[in-house]
Structures are given as C-alpha cells and as structure tokens.
C-alpha cells in the first residue's frame, strides 16, 4: 500500500528529503505523497523513512492504493529502470 500524508501534517519539512523515490512534495496546504512513486521504501530501507522521521505521526497507509510487498518490489524495480 502506498502511504499518504493527512491533514495533521505540520509542514516540518523532515519527510521530503528522506524519501528515496522523491515521492513527497509540498502540496497546497501540506506535503503529499505521489502513490505512483511511493514504494514504502521497499528496495531501499526496511521501514518507510518518512514514517520514521515524522514527529506527528501523520503518514498512514493509503487505503485507496492497496499494494502487496511484491507489488511494491515490482514498482521499485520499474522506478530504478526509469532512473537509468
């Protein structure tokens, strides 16, 4: 499942730089996560880095984008091919 940032975000700027896929950007009111780029850090880290650094715990799973671990691995592989 991709992650999403909810409206309790305080725009502290700590999540965006730790995202290895550059899936996080500043939205109109608070940060947002592009579900097409979010792999929950699969392929990079054991745990999603944005969740690890978030001081207000505002990054839950996005129920609108359910994905298995295997699907996240495939997305990671596709993103790495694009990066080459």
N, C-alpha and C. Protein backbone atom coordinates (compact mmCIF):
# COMPACT_ATOMS: atom_id res chain seq x y z
N UNK A 1 0.83 -1.17 0.00
CA UNK A 1 0.00 0.00 0.00
C UNK A 1 0.88 1.24 0.00
N UNK A 2 0.54 2.18 -0.81
CA UNK A 2 1.25 3.45 -0.76
C UNK A 2 0.90 4.15 0.55
N UNK A 3 1.68 5.13 0.88
CA UNK A 3 1.43 5.93 2.08
C UNK A 3 0.79 7.25 1.67
N UNK A 4 0.20 7.93 2.62
CA UNK A 4 -0.35 9.26 2.35
C UNK A 4 -0.11 10.14 3.57
N UNK A 5 -0.07 11.42 3.34
CA UNK A 5 0.11 12.38 4.42
C UNK A 5 -1.25 13.01 4.68
N UNK A 6 -1.68 13.00 5.94
CA UNK A 6 -3.00 13.53 6.27
C UNK A 6 -2.90 14.96 6.81
N UNK A 7 -4.06 15.56 7.02
CA UNK A 7 -4.11 16.99 7.33
C UNK A 7 -3.59 17.39 8.70
N UNK A 8 -3.09 16.44 9.48
CA UNK A 8 -2.44 16.82 10.74
C UNK A 8 -0.96 17.15 10.52
N UNK A 9 -0.52 17.09 9.27
CA UNK A 9 0.86 17.45 8.90
C UNK A 9 1.14 18.90 9.33
N UNK A 10 2.30 19.10 9.92
CA UNK A 10 2.68 20.45 10.38
C UNK A 10 3.71 21.10 9.46
N UNK A 11 3.94 20.50 8.28
CA UNK A 11 4.88 21.05 7.30
C UNK A 11 6.26 21.30 7.91
N UNK A 12 6.75 20.31 8.63
CA UNK A 12 8.04 20.47 9.31
C UNK A 12 9.23 20.22 8.37
N UNK A 13 8.96 19.75 7.17
CA UNK A 13 9.99 19.57 6.13
C UNK A 13 10.94 18.41 6.36
N UNK A 14 10.66 17.49 7.28
CA UNK A 14 11.60 16.39 7.51
C UNK A 14 11.36 15.18 6.61
N UNK A 15 10.15 15.00 6.11
CA UNK A 15 9.85 13.82 5.31
C UNK A 15 10.37 13.90 3.88
N UNK A 16 10.23 15.03 3.28
CA UNK A 16 10.57 15.18 1.86
C UNK A 16 12.02 14.80 1.53
N UNK A 17 13.01 15.26 2.27
CA UNK A 17 14.39 14.92 1.90
C UNK A 17 14.79 13.46 2.16
N UNK A 18 14.03 12.73 3.00
CA UNK A 18 14.41 11.35 3.28
C UNK A 18 13.78 10.35 2.32
N UNK A 19 12.90 10.80 1.45
CA UNK A 19 12.22 9.89 0.51
C UNK A 19 13.17 9.52 -0.63
N UNK A 20 13.55 8.24 -0.74
CA UNK A 20 14.50 7.84 -1.77
C UNK A 20 13.91 7.87 -3.18
N UNK A 21 12.60 7.89 -3.31
CA UNK A 21 11.97 7.90 -4.63
C UNK A 21 11.46 9.27 -5.04
N UNK A 22 11.70 10.27 -4.21
CA UNK A 22 11.22 11.62 -4.47
C UNK A 22 9.70 11.65 -4.68
N UNK A 23 9.01 10.85 -3.87
CA UNK A 23 7.56 10.75 -3.96
C UNK A 23 6.85 11.84 -3.16
N UNK A 24 7.57 12.56 -2.32
CA UNK A 24 6.97 13.55 -1.44
C UNK A 24 7.25 14.95 -1.96
N UNK A 25 6.19 15.75 -2.02
CA UNK A 25 6.34 17.15 -2.45
C UNK A 25 5.36 18.01 -1.65
N UNK A 26 5.60 19.30 -1.65
CA UNK A 26 4.73 20.22 -0.93
C UNK A 26 3.48 20.46 -1.76
N UNK A 27 2.33 20.18 -1.15
CA UNK A 27 1.05 20.43 -1.81
C UNK A 27 0.56 21.83 -1.49
N UNK A 28 -0.71 22.07 -1.75
CA UNK A 28 -1.28 23.39 -1.50
C UNK A 28 -1.29 23.75 -0.02
N UNK A 29 -1.63 22.78 0.83
CA UNK A 29 -1.72 23.04 2.26
C UNK A 29 -0.67 22.32 3.09
N UNK A 30 -0.30 21.11 2.67
CA UNK A 30 0.69 20.33 3.39
C UNK A 30 1.34 19.37 2.40
N UNK A 31 2.34 18.63 2.88
CA UNK A 31 3.05 17.71 2.00
C UNK A 31 2.12 16.61 1.50
N UNK A 32 2.47 16.07 0.34
CA UNK A 32 1.68 14.99 -0.24
C UNK A 32 2.62 13.93 -0.80
N UNK A 33 2.10 12.72 -0.97
CA UNK A 33 2.88 11.60 -1.48
C UNK A 33 2.27 11.15 -2.80
N UNK A 34 3.09 11.04 -3.83
CA UNK A 34 2.65 10.54 -5.13
C UNK A 34 2.59 9.01 -5.04
N UNK A 35 1.39 8.41 -5.10
CA UNK A 35 1.30 6.96 -4.95
C UNK A 35 2.00 6.19 -6.08
N UNK A 36 2.20 6.82 -7.22
CA UNK A 36 2.91 6.16 -8.32
C UNK A 36 4.40 6.05 -8.05
N UNK A 37 4.92 6.84 -7.12
CA UNK A 37 6.35 6.81 -6.78
C UNK A 37 6.63 6.18 -5.43
N UNK A 38 5.62 6.07 -4.59
CA UNK A 38 5.81 5.54 -3.24
C UNK A 38 5.92 4.02 -3.25
N UNK A 39 7.03 3.51 -2.73
CA UNK A 39 7.21 2.07 -2.55
C UNK A 39 7.32 1.71 -1.08
N UNK A 40 6.96 2.63 -0.20
CA UNK A 40 7.13 2.46 1.24
C UNK A 40 8.59 2.13 1.56
N UNK A 41 9.48 2.62 0.74
CA UNK A 41 10.93 2.44 0.86
C UNK A 41 11.38 1.00 0.58
N UNK A 42 10.47 0.15 0.07
CA UNK A 42 10.86 -1.20 -0.35
C UNK A 42 11.96 -1.06 -1.40
N UNK A 43 13.01 -1.83 -1.23
CA UNK A 43 14.16 -1.75 -2.13
C UNK A 43 15.25 -0.82 -1.61
N UNK A 44 14.89 0.02 -0.67
CA UNK A 44 15.85 0.97 -0.11
C UNK A 44 16.11 0.71 1.38
N UNK A 45 15.03 0.61 2.15
CA UNK A 45 15.11 0.51 3.60
C UNK A 45 14.11 -0.52 4.12
N UNK A 46 14.29 -0.95 5.35
CA UNK A 46 13.37 -1.89 5.98
C UNK A 46 12.04 -1.22 6.34
N UNK A 47 12.08 0.05 6.71
CA UNK A 47 10.89 0.79 7.12
C UNK A 47 10.78 2.07 6.30
N UNK A 48 9.55 2.55 6.07
CA UNK A 48 9.38 3.83 5.36
C UNK A 48 10.06 4.95 6.14
N UNK A 49 10.96 5.63 5.49
CA UNK A 49 11.74 6.66 6.16
C UNK A 49 10.90 7.86 6.57
N UNK A 50 9.89 8.21 5.78
CA UNK A 50 9.05 9.35 6.14
C UNK A 50 8.31 9.07 7.45
N UNK A 51 7.83 7.85 7.61
CA UNK A 51 7.13 7.46 8.84
C UNK A 51 8.10 7.51 10.02
N UNK A 52 9.32 7.07 9.80
CA UNK A 52 10.33 7.05 10.87
C UNK A 52 10.64 8.45 11.39
N UNK A 53 10.67 9.45 10.51
CA UNK A 53 11.09 10.80 10.94
C UNK A 53 9.93 11.72 11.29
N UNK A 54 8.71 11.34 10.95
CA UNK A 54 7.56 12.23 11.17
C UNK A 54 7.30 12.43 12.66
N UNK A 55 7.34 13.68 13.13
CA UNK A 55 7.14 13.93 14.56
C UNK A 55 5.68 13.90 15.01
N UNK A 56 4.73 13.94 14.07
CA UNK A 56 3.31 13.98 14.44
C UNK A 56 2.53 12.76 13.95
N UNK A 57 3.22 11.77 13.43
CA UNK A 57 2.61 10.52 13.00
C UNK A 57 1.41 10.74 12.08
N UNK A 58 1.65 11.48 11.01
CA UNK A 58 0.56 11.82 10.08
C UNK A 58 0.70 11.10 8.74
N UNK A 59 1.40 9.95 8.71
CA UNK A 59 1.62 9.25 7.44
C UNK A 59 1.15 7.80 7.55
N UNK A 60 -0.16 7.58 7.38
CA UNK A 60 -0.69 6.22 7.40
C UNK A 60 -0.65 5.58 6.00
N UNK A 61 -1.05 4.32 5.95
CA UNK A 61 -1.22 3.67 4.65
C UNK A 61 -2.42 4.29 3.95
N UNK A 62 -2.37 4.34 2.64
CA UNK A 62 -3.44 4.90 1.83
C UNK A 62 -4.36 3.77 1.37
N UNK A 63 -5.55 3.64 1.96
CA UNK A 63 -6.44 2.54 1.58
C UNK A 63 -6.92 2.62 0.13
N UNK A 64 -6.76 3.76 -0.51
CA UNK A 64 -7.14 3.89 -1.91
C UNK A 64 -6.09 3.32 -2.85
N UNK A 65 -4.92 2.96 -2.33
CA UNK A 65 -3.83 2.41 -3.15
C UNK A 65 -3.25 1.16 -2.49
N UNK A 66 -4.08 0.09 -2.38
CA UNK A 66 -3.57 -1.14 -1.76
C UNK A 66 -2.54 -1.83 -2.65
N UNK A 67 -1.43 -2.24 -2.05
CA UNK A 67 -0.38 -2.94 -2.78
C UNK A 67 0.27 -3.95 -1.85
N UNK A 68 0.61 -5.10 -2.40
CA UNK A 68 1.33 -6.11 -1.63
C UNK A 68 2.81 -5.76 -1.62
N UNK A 69 3.55 -6.46 -0.77
CA UNK A 69 5.00 -6.25 -0.74
C UNK A 69 5.60 -6.58 -2.11
N UNK A 70 5.10 -7.61 -2.75
CA UNK A 70 5.59 -8.00 -4.08
C UNK A 70 5.31 -6.91 -5.11
N UNK A 71 4.14 -6.30 -5.05
CA UNK A 71 3.81 -5.21 -5.98
C UNK A 71 4.72 -4.01 -5.73
N UNK A 72 5.02 -3.73 -4.46
CA UNK A 72 5.92 -2.62 -4.15
C UNK A 72 7.33 -2.91 -4.68
N UNK A 73 7.76 -4.17 -4.61
CA UNK A 73 9.07 -4.54 -5.16
C UNK A 73 9.10 -4.35 -6.67
N UNK A 74 8.02 -4.72 -7.35
CA UNK A 74 7.95 -4.53 -8.80
C UNK A 74 7.95 -3.04 -9.16
N UNK A 75 7.24 -2.23 -8.38
CA UNK A 75 7.23 -0.79 -8.62
C UNK A 75 8.63 -0.21 -8.42
N UNK A 76 9.31 -0.66 -7.36
CA UNK A 76 10.69 -0.23 -7.11
C UNK A 76 11.58 -0.57 -8.31
N UNK A 77 11.49 -1.80 -8.81
CA UNK A 77 12.31 -2.23 -9.95
C UNK A 77 12.01 -1.37 -11.18
N UNK A 78 10.75 -1.08 -11.42
CA UNK A 78 10.38 -0.24 -12.57
C UNK A 78 10.93 1.18 -12.42
N UNK A 79 10.87 1.73 -11.21
CA UNK A 79 11.40 3.07 -10.97
C UNK A 79 12.92 3.10 -11.17
N UNK A 80 13.60 2.05 -10.78
CA UNK A 80 15.04 2.00 -10.94
C UNK A 80 15.43 1.89 -12.42
N UNK A 81 14.62 1.17 -13.19
CA UNK A 81 14.88 1.10 -14.65
C UNK A 81 14.72 2.46 -15.29
N UNK A 82 13.71 3.22 -14.87
CA UNK A 82 13.49 4.57 -15.41
C UNK A 82 14.63 5.51 -15.06
N UNK A 83 15.22 5.30 -13.87
CA UNK A 83 16.28 6.18 -13.39
C UNK A 83 17.58 5.98 -14.17
N UNK A 84 17.74 4.80 -14.77
CA UNK A 84 18.99 4.51 -15.52
C UNK A 84 19.07 5.21 -16.82
